[in-house]
Amino acid sequence: MKLILQRIRLVQLVAVFGISVQGLASAQSYNMDWFTVDGGGGTSSGGAFSINGTVGQPDAGVLSGGGYTVEGGYWSGVSIIQNTNAPILNIRLAGSNAILSWPVGISGFSLEETGAPDSGLWSPTSQAVLDTDTTHTVTVPAVNIIKCYRLKK
């Protein structure tokens, strides 16, 4: 009889504890203070939660931790658009410049640039093309600009 009473009390204790913990968990509220990670934007979501960000806010600073650093602000950018049947156009960053290159073996292509690829307005790049035995190379500024480059025949 004593063993049965102990088991009943244990079940009651577990039930009371479970109800208490549930009450504590449901009493919590979610709060996201206003912060910025400048220079990026978009929406991230998972389950019932989502968070939105905006692009290039002017109050940018440096965010770092471990081996990673994010420097905020307005991003400039240089990108390439690969045309079908054109040589591969390579891009690499070198300090505050981007170096665009493509193989010499295929003739008739010139490098074009635009600030708005959807506009259809492309023009030959004003930067000099330097040639080696194997590669055409153009160095362009990669700071405070938004440019797209392509090879066109």
N, C-alpha and C. Protein backbone atom coordinates (compact mmCIF):
# COMPACT_ATOMS: atom_id res chain seq x y z
N MET A 1 0.82 -1.18 0.00
CA MET A 1 0.00 0.00 0.00
C MET A 1 0.87 1.26 0.00
N LYS A 2 1.94 1.22 0.79
CA LYS A 2 2.85 2.35 0.87
C LYS A 2 3.51 2.60 -0.49
N LEU A 3 3.88 1.53 -1.20
CA LEU A 3 4.50 1.63 -2.51
C LEU A 3 3.54 2.26 -3.52
N ILE A 4 2.27 1.91 -3.47
CA ILE A 4 1.26 2.47 -4.37
C ILE A 4 1.11 3.96 -4.13
N LEU A 5 1.07 4.39 -2.84
CA LEU A 5 0.95 5.81 -2.52
C LEU A 5 2.17 6.59 -3.01
N GLN A 6 3.36 5.98 -2.89
CA GLN A 6 4.57 6.65 -3.36
C GLN A 6 4.53 6.85 -4.88
N ARG A 7 4.03 5.84 -5.59
CA ARG A 7 3.93 5.94 -7.05
C ARG A 7 2.90 7.00 -7.45
N ILE A 8 1.79 7.06 -6.74
CA ILE A 8 0.75 8.06 -7.03
C ILE A 8 1.31 9.46 -6.81
N ARG A 9 2.04 9.64 -5.70
CA ARG A 9 2.63 10.95 -5.42
C ARG A 9 3.68 11.32 -6.48
N LEU A 10 4.45 10.34 -6.92
CA LEU A 10 5.44 10.59 -7.94
C LEU A 10 4.77 11.04 -9.25
N VAL A 11 3.69 10.36 -9.64
CA VAL A 11 2.95 10.73 -10.84
C VAL A 11 2.37 12.13 -10.68
N GLN A 12 1.82 12.44 -9.49
CA GLN A 12 1.27 13.78 -9.25
C GLN A 12 2.36 14.84 -9.34
N LEU A 13 3.52 14.55 -8.76
CA LEU A 13 4.64 15.48 -8.78
C LEU A 13 5.11 15.75 -10.21
N VAL A 14 5.23 14.69 -11.00
CA VAL A 14 5.64 14.84 -12.40
C VAL A 14 4.61 15.65 -13.16
N ALA A 15 3.32 15.41 -12.93
CA ALA A 15 2.26 16.15 -13.62
C ALA A 15 2.30 17.63 -13.25
N VAL A 16 2.47 17.94 -11.96
CA VAL A 16 2.53 19.34 -11.51
C VAL A 16 3.77 20.01 -12.11
N PHE A 17 4.90 19.31 -12.12
CA PHE A 17 6.12 19.86 -12.69
C PHE A 17 5.94 20.14 -14.19
N GLY A 18 5.34 19.20 -14.90
CA GLY A 18 5.10 19.37 -16.34
C GLY A 18 4.22 20.56 -16.64
N ILE A 19 3.17 20.75 -15.86
CA ILE A 19 2.27 21.89 -16.05
C ILE A 19 3.00 23.19 -15.75
N SER A 20 3.84 23.20 -14.71
CA SER A 20 4.59 24.40 -14.34
C SER A 20 5.55 24.80 -15.45
N VAL A 21 6.29 23.84 -15.97
CA VAL A 21 7.27 24.12 -17.01
C VAL A 21 6.57 24.61 -18.27
N GLN A 22 5.44 24.02 -18.60
CA GLN A 22 4.70 24.45 -19.78
C GLN A 22 4.23 25.88 -19.61
N GLY A 23 3.78 26.23 -18.43
CA GLY A 23 3.36 27.60 -18.16
C GLY A 23 4.51 28.58 -18.32
N LEU A 24 5.70 28.21 -17.87
CA LEU A 24 6.86 29.08 -18.01
C LEU A 24 7.24 29.24 -19.48
N ALA A 25 7.22 28.15 -20.23
CA ALA A 25 7.60 28.20 -21.63
C ALA A 25 6.62 29.04 -22.44
N SER A 26 5.33 28.91 -22.19
CA SER A 26 4.36 29.67 -22.96
C SER A 26 4.32 31.13 -22.55
N ALA A 27 4.86 31.47 -21.38
CA ALA A 27 4.87 32.85 -20.92
C ALA A 27 5.99 33.66 -21.57
N GLN A 28 6.93 32.98 -22.24
CA GLN A 28 8.03 33.70 -22.87
C GLN A 28 7.55 34.40 -24.13
N SER A 29 8.09 35.57 -24.38
CA SER A 29 7.77 36.27 -25.62
C SER A 29 9.04 36.42 -26.44
N TYR A 30 8.88 36.56 -27.74
CA TYR A 30 10.01 36.72 -28.63
C TYR A 30 10.19 38.19 -28.92
N ASN A 31 11.44 38.61 -28.95
CA ASN A 31 11.73 40.01 -29.19
C ASN A 31 13.00 40.11 -30.02
N MET A 32 12.95 40.89 -31.07
CA MET A 32 14.14 41.14 -31.88
C MET A 32 14.34 42.64 -31.90
N ASP A 33 15.36 43.10 -31.17
CA ASP A 33 15.68 44.52 -31.18
C ASP A 33 16.18 44.92 -32.56
N TRP A 34 16.18 46.21 -32.83
CA TRP A 34 16.61 46.72 -34.12
C TRP A 34 18.13 46.71 -34.18
N PHE A 35 18.66 45.97 -35.14
CA PHE A 35 20.09 45.93 -35.40
C PHE A 35 20.28 46.00 -36.91
N THR A 36 21.46 46.35 -37.33
CA THR A 36 21.76 46.30 -38.76
C THR A 36 23.04 45.53 -38.99
N VAL A 37 23.06 44.76 -40.05
CA VAL A 37 24.28 44.20 -40.61
C VAL A 37 24.31 44.79 -42.01
N ASP A 38 25.03 45.88 -42.15
CA ASP A 38 24.92 46.71 -43.34
C ASP A 38 25.62 46.11 -44.55
N GLY A 39 25.08 46.41 -45.70
CA GLY A 39 25.66 45.96 -46.94
C GLY A 39 25.06 44.67 -47.46
N GLY A 40 23.94 44.26 -46.94
CA GLY A 40 23.27 43.06 -47.42
C GLY A 40 21.79 43.21 -47.20
N GLY A 41 21.02 42.31 -47.72
CA GLY A 41 19.59 42.42 -47.50
C GLY A 41 18.88 41.18 -47.97
N GLY A 42 17.62 41.11 -47.59
CA GLY A 42 16.80 39.98 -47.99
C GLY A 42 15.99 39.48 -46.83
N THR A 43 15.39 38.33 -46.99
CA THR A 43 14.56 37.73 -45.97
C THR A 43 15.10 36.35 -45.64
N SER A 44 15.18 36.05 -44.37
CA SER A 44 15.53 34.71 -43.91
C SER A 44 14.36 34.20 -43.10
N SER A 45 13.99 32.94 -43.30
CA SER A 45 12.85 32.41 -42.57
C SER A 45 13.05 30.94 -42.28
N GLY A 46 12.36 30.50 -41.25
CA GLY A 46 12.38 29.10 -40.86
C GLY A 46 11.25 28.84 -39.90
N GLY A 47 10.43 27.84 -40.17
CA GLY A 47 9.30 27.56 -39.30
C GLY A 47 8.34 28.74 -39.29
N ALA A 48 7.99 29.19 -38.10
CA ALA A 48 7.04 30.30 -37.96
C ALA A 48 7.74 31.66 -37.92
N PHE A 49 9.07 31.69 -38.08
CA PHE A 49 9.81 32.93 -37.91
C PHE A 49 10.39 33.42 -39.22
N SER A 50 10.49 34.74 -39.35
CA SER A 50 11.15 35.33 -40.50
C SER A 50 11.72 36.68 -40.09
N ILE A 51 12.82 37.07 -40.74
CA ILE A 51 13.45 38.35 -40.45
C ILE A 51 13.84 38.99 -41.78
N ASN A 52 13.63 40.29 -41.88
CA ASN A 52 13.93 41.03 -43.11
C ASN A 52 15.10 41.97 -42.87
N GLY A 53 15.90 42.18 -43.90
CA GLY A 53 17.00 43.13 -43.83
C GLY A 53 16.98 44.05 -45.03
N THR A 54 17.64 45.17 -44.92
CA THR A 54 17.71 46.12 -46.02
C THR A 54 19.14 46.27 -46.49
N VAL A 55 19.31 46.86 -47.65
CA VAL A 55 20.62 46.93 -48.28
C VAL A 55 21.29 48.27 -48.01
N GLY A 56 22.57 48.23 -47.64
CA GLY A 56 23.43 49.40 -47.61
C GLY A 56 23.03 50.53 -46.70
N GLN A 57 22.76 50.26 -45.47
CA GLN A 57 22.40 51.33 -44.55
C GLN A 57 23.63 52.15 -44.20
N PRO A 58 23.49 53.46 -44.02
CA PRO A 58 24.66 54.32 -43.85
C PRO A 58 25.35 54.25 -42.50
N ASP A 59 24.77 53.57 -41.53
CA ASP A 59 25.38 53.51 -40.20
C ASP A 59 26.31 52.30 -40.06
N ALA A 60 26.90 51.90 -41.15
CA ALA A 60 27.68 50.67 -41.19
C ALA A 60 28.95 50.75 -40.35
N GLY A 61 29.33 49.62 -39.83
CA GLY A 61 30.58 49.47 -39.11
C GLY A 61 31.17 48.12 -39.45
N VAL A 62 32.09 47.65 -38.67
CA VAL A 62 32.73 46.36 -38.90
C VAL A 62 32.22 45.37 -37.87
N LEU A 63 31.83 44.19 -38.32
CA LEU A 63 31.36 43.11 -37.47
C LEU A 63 32.34 41.96 -37.65
N SER A 64 32.94 41.50 -36.55
CA SER A 64 33.92 40.42 -36.69
C SER A 64 33.84 39.46 -35.53
N GLY A 65 34.25 38.25 -35.79
CA GLY A 65 34.30 37.21 -34.78
C GLY A 65 35.01 36.00 -35.35
N GLY A 66 35.86 35.40 -34.55
CA GLY A 66 36.63 34.26 -35.05
C GLY A 66 37.49 34.70 -36.21
N GLY A 67 37.44 33.96 -37.29
CA GLY A 67 38.22 34.30 -38.47
C GLY A 67 37.45 35.07 -39.52
N TYR A 68 36.26 35.60 -39.17
CA TYR A 68 35.40 36.24 -40.16
C TYR A 68 35.21 37.71 -39.84
N THR A 69 35.11 38.52 -40.87
CA THR A 69 34.84 39.94 -40.73
C THR A 69 33.88 40.36 -41.82
N VAL A 70 32.87 41.15 -41.46
CA VAL A 70 31.94 41.73 -42.42
C VAL A 70 32.04 43.23 -42.26
N GLU A 71 32.34 43.92 -43.35
CA GLU A 71 32.40 45.37 -43.32
C GLU A 71 31.18 45.89 -44.05
N GLY A 72 30.38 46.64 -43.34
CA GLY A 72 29.11 47.11 -43.89
C GLY A 72 29.25 48.33 -44.76
N GLY A 73 28.11 48.79 -45.23
CA GLY A 73 28.05 49.98 -46.06
C GLY A 73 27.52 49.63 -47.43
N TYR A 74 27.66 50.55 -48.34
CA TYR A 74 27.20 50.31 -49.70
C TYR A 74 28.24 49.51 -50.43
N TRP A 75 27.81 48.45 -51.07
CA TRP A 75 28.73 47.56 -51.76
C TRP A 75 28.88 48.00 -53.20
N SER A 76 30.10 48.03 -53.65
CA SER A 76 30.31 48.19 -55.08
C SER A 76 30.47 46.79 -55.64
N GLY A 77 30.47 46.67 -56.93
CA GLY A 77 30.59 45.33 -57.45
C GLY A 77 31.00 45.30 -58.90
N VAL A 78 31.71 44.27 -59.25
CA VAL A 78 32.09 43.98 -60.62
C VAL A 78 31.67 42.55 -60.86
N SER A 79 30.93 42.32 -61.93
CA SER A 79 30.51 40.95 -62.24
C SER A 79 30.69 40.69 -63.73
N ILE A 80 30.71 39.42 -64.07
CA ILE A 80 30.84 39.05 -65.47
C ILE A 80 29.57 38.33 -65.91
N ILE A 81 29.27 38.49 -67.18
CA ILE A 81 28.15 37.78 -67.79
C ILE A 81 28.74 36.93 -68.90
N GLN A 82 28.60 35.62 -68.77
CA GLN A 82 29.20 34.70 -69.72
C GLN A 82 28.27 34.50 -70.91
N ASN A 83 28.72 34.89 -72.10
CA ASN A 83 27.95 34.68 -73.33
C ASN A 83 28.24 33.30 -73.89
N THR A 84 27.22 32.68 -74.46
CA THR A 84 27.37 31.39 -75.12
C THR A 84 28.31 31.56 -76.31
N ASN A 85 29.14 30.58 -76.56
CA ASN A 85 30.12 30.56 -77.66
C ASN A 85 31.23 31.59 -77.52
N ALA A 86 31.34 32.24 -76.39
CA ALA A 86 32.45 33.17 -76.13
C ALA A 86 33.47 32.47 -75.25
N PRO A 87 34.73 32.91 -75.30
CA PRO A 87 35.72 32.34 -74.39
C PRO A 87 35.31 32.60 -72.93
N ILE A 88 35.81 31.78 -72.04
CA ILE A 88 35.53 31.96 -70.61
C ILE A 88 36.17 33.27 -70.15
N LEU A 89 35.37 34.13 -69.56
CA LEU A 89 35.85 35.40 -69.00
C LEU A 89 36.08 35.19 -67.51
N ASN A 90 37.32 35.34 -67.08
CA ASN A 90 37.69 35.13 -65.67
C ASN A 90 37.76 36.47 -64.95
N ILE A 91 37.52 36.43 -63.65
CA ILE A 91 37.61 37.64 -62.83
C ILE A 91 38.28 37.28 -61.51
N ARG A 92 39.16 38.16 -61.05
CA ARG A 92 39.75 37.99 -59.72
C ARG A 92 40.00 39.36 -59.12
N LEU A 93 39.92 39.43 -57.81
CA LEU A 93 40.12 40.67 -57.09
C LEU A 93 41.59 40.83 -56.73
N ALA A 94 42.12 42.04 -56.94
CA ALA A 94 43.51 42.36 -56.58
C ALA A 94 43.50 43.74 -55.94
N GLY A 95 43.43 43.77 -54.62
CA GLY A 95 43.34 45.05 -53.90
C GLY A 95 42.03 45.73 -54.22
N SER A 96 42.09 46.95 -54.72
CA SER A 96 40.86 47.68 -55.05
C SER A 96 40.52 47.57 -56.53
N ASN A 97 41.14 46.62 -57.23
CA ASN A 97 40.88 46.40 -58.65
C ASN A 97 40.36 44.99 -58.89
N ALA A 98 39.67 44.84 -60.02
CA ALA A 98 39.29 43.52 -60.51
C ALA A 98 40.09 43.28 -61.79
N ILE A 99 40.60 42.08 -61.92
CA ILE A 99 41.37 41.72 -63.11
C ILE A 99 40.54 40.74 -63.92
N LEU A 100 40.18 41.16 -65.14
CA LEU A 100 39.40 40.35 -66.06
C LEU A 100 40.36 39.76 -67.07
N SER A 101 40.18 38.49 -67.40
CA SER A 101 41.09 37.86 -68.37
C SER A 101 40.35 36.79 -69.16
N TRP A 102 40.86 36.54 -70.37
CA TRP A 102 40.33 35.49 -71.22
C TRP A 102 41.45 35.02 -72.14
N PRO A 103 41.35 33.78 -72.66
CA PRO A 103 42.44 33.22 -73.46
C PRO A 103 42.62 33.93 -74.80
N VAL A 104 43.87 33.96 -75.29
CA VAL A 104 44.22 34.62 -76.54
C VAL A 104 43.75 33.81 -77.76
N GLY A 105 43.70 32.52 -77.70
CA GLY A 105 43.49 31.64 -78.85
C GLY A 105 42.24 31.87 -79.68
N ILE A 106 41.25 32.56 -79.19
CA ILE A 106 40.01 32.76 -79.93
C ILE A 106 39.92 34.24 -80.30
N SER A 107 39.82 34.54 -81.60
CA SER A 107 39.87 35.94 -82.03
C SER A 107 38.48 36.52 -82.27
N GLY A 108 38.44 37.84 -82.36
CA GLY A 108 37.21 38.53 -82.72
C GLY A 108 36.35 38.98 -81.56
N PHE A 109 36.76 38.76 -80.34
CA PHE A 109 35.95 39.16 -79.18
C PHE A 109 36.53 40.42 -78.54
N SER A 110 35.65 41.29 -78.09
CA SER A 110 36.08 42.47 -77.35
C SER A 110 35.31 42.54 -76.04
N LEU A 111 35.90 43.22 -75.07
CA LEU A 111 35.30 43.34 -73.75
C LEU A 111 34.36 44.53 -73.73
N GLU A 112 33.12 44.29 -73.30
CA GLU A 112 32.12 45.35 -73.17
C GLU A 112 31.71 45.48 -71.71
N GLU A 113 31.19 46.67 -71.35
CA GLU A 113 30.77 46.93 -69.98
C GLU A 113 29.44 47.67 -69.95
N THR A 114 28.76 47.54 -68.83
CA THR A 114 27.53 48.29 -68.59
C THR A 114 27.31 48.43 -67.09
N GLY A 115 26.60 49.45 -66.71
CA GLY A 115 26.20 49.61 -65.31
C GLY A 115 24.82 49.05 -65.06
N ALA A 116 24.11 48.71 -66.14
CA ALA A 116 22.74 48.19 -66.03
C ALA A 116 22.51 47.14 -67.11
N PRO A 117 22.79 45.87 -66.83
CA PRO A 117 22.69 44.84 -67.88
C PRO A 117 21.30 44.68 -68.47
N ASP A 118 20.26 45.01 -67.72
CA ASP A 118 18.91 44.88 -68.25
C ASP A 118 18.58 45.97 -69.27
N SER A 119 19.35 47.04 -69.30
CA SER A 119 19.07 48.15 -70.22
C SER A 119 19.41 47.81 -71.66
N GLY A 120 20.30 46.85 -71.87
CA GLY A 120 20.75 46.52 -73.22
C GLY A 120 21.80 47.48 -73.75
N LEU A 121 22.21 48.44 -72.95
CA LEU A 121 23.21 49.43 -73.36
C LEU A 121 24.60 49.00 -72.90
N TRP A 122 25.35 48.43 -73.82
CA TRP A 122 26.72 47.97 -73.56
C TRP A 122 27.67 48.81 -74.40
N SER A 123 28.87 49.06 -73.90
CA SER A 123 29.87 49.80 -74.66
C SER A 123 31.24 49.17 -74.44
N PRO A 124 32.16 49.37 -75.40
CA PRO A 124 33.51 48.83 -75.21
C PRO A 124 34.13 49.44 -73.94
N THR A 125 34.87 48.63 -73.21
CA THR A 125 35.50 49.14 -71.99
C THR A 125 36.56 50.17 -72.35
N SER A 126 36.71 51.16 -71.49
CA SER A 126 37.71 52.21 -71.74
C SER A 126 39.09 51.82 -71.21
N GLN A 127 39.18 50.71 -70.51
CA GLN A 127 40.46 50.27 -69.94
C GLN A 127 41.29 49.56 -71.01
N ALA A 128 42.60 49.70 -70.91
CA ALA A 128 43.52 49.09 -71.88
C ALA A 128 43.56 47.58 -71.71
N VAL A 129 43.64 46.88 -72.83
CA VAL A 129 43.81 45.43 -72.84
C VAL A 129 45.30 45.12 -72.96
N LEU A 130 45.83 44.37 -72.01
CA LEU A 130 47.23 43.95 -72.04
C LEU A 130 47.28 42.49 -72.46
N ASP A 131 48.13 42.19 -73.43
CA ASP A 131 48.22 40.82 -73.94
C ASP A 131 49.54 40.17 -73.55
N THR A 132 49.44 38.88 -73.21
CA THR A 132 50.61 38.03 -73.07
C THR A 132 50.51 36.98 -74.17
N ASP A 133 51.36 35.97 -74.14
CA ASP A 133 51.29 34.91 -75.14
C ASP A 133 50.00 34.10 -75.03
N THR A 134 49.42 34.05 -73.84
CA THR A 134 48.26 33.18 -73.62
C THR A 134 46.98 33.89 -73.17
N THR A 135 47.10 35.14 -72.71
CA THR A 135 45.95 35.76 -72.05
C THR A 135 45.78 37.23 -72.41
N HIS A 136 44.52 37.65 -72.63
CA HIS A 136 44.15 39.06 -72.68
C HIS A 136 43.79 39.45 -71.25
N THR A 137 44.26 40.59 -70.77
CA THR A 137 43.99 41.02 -69.39
C THR A 137 43.57 42.48 -69.37
N VAL A 138 42.54 42.77 -68.59
CA VAL A 138 42.08 44.14 -68.37
C VAL A 138 41.93 44.34 -66.87
N THR A 139 42.49 45.42 -66.35
CA THR A 139 42.35 45.76 -64.94
C THR A 139 41.37 46.91 -64.81
N VAL A 140 40.34 46.71 -63.99
CA VAL A 140 39.31 47.74 -63.80
C VAL A 140 39.17 48.05 -62.32
N PRO A 141 38.75 49.27 -61.98
CA PRO A 141 38.53 49.58 -60.57
C PRO A 141 37.35 48.77 -60.04
N ALA A 142 37.45 48.35 -58.79
CA ALA A 142 36.38 47.55 -58.18
C ALA A 142 35.83 48.22 -56.93
N VAL A 143 36.05 49.52 -56.79
CA VAL A 143 35.59 50.25 -55.61
C VAL A 143 34.62 51.34 -56.06
N ASN A 144 33.51 51.47 -55.36
CA ASN A 144 32.51 52.50 -55.62
C ASN A 144 31.92 52.45 -57.02
N ILE A 145 31.78 51.26 -57.57
CA ILE A 145 31.15 51.10 -58.88
C ILE A 145 30.27 49.86 -58.88
N ILE A 146 29.35 49.83 -59.80
CA ILE A 146 28.57 48.64 -60.12
C ILE A 146 28.73 48.45 -61.63
N LYS A 147 29.44 47.43 -62.04
CA LYS A 147 29.69 47.18 -63.46
C LYS A 147 29.56 45.71 -63.78
N CYS A 148 29.07 45.44 -64.98
CA CYS A 148 29.03 44.08 -65.53
C CYS A 148 29.87 44.09 -66.80
N TYR A 149 30.56 42.99 -67.04
CA TYR A 149 31.43 42.86 -68.21
C TYR A 149 31.08 41.59 -68.97
N ARG A 150 31.26 41.65 -70.30
CA ARG A 150 31.03 40.48 -71.15
C ARG A 150 31.96 40.55 -72.35
N LEU A 151 32.17 39.39 -72.97
CA LEU A 151 32.89 39.33 -74.23
C LEU A 151 31.87 39.25 -75.36
N LYS A 152 32.04 40.08 -76.36
CA LYS A 152 31.08 40.14 -77.47
C LYS A 152 31.84 40.11 -78.78
N LYS A 153 31.31 39.36 -79.76
CA LYS A 153 31.93 39.26 -81.09
C LYS A 153 31.29 40.27 -82.01
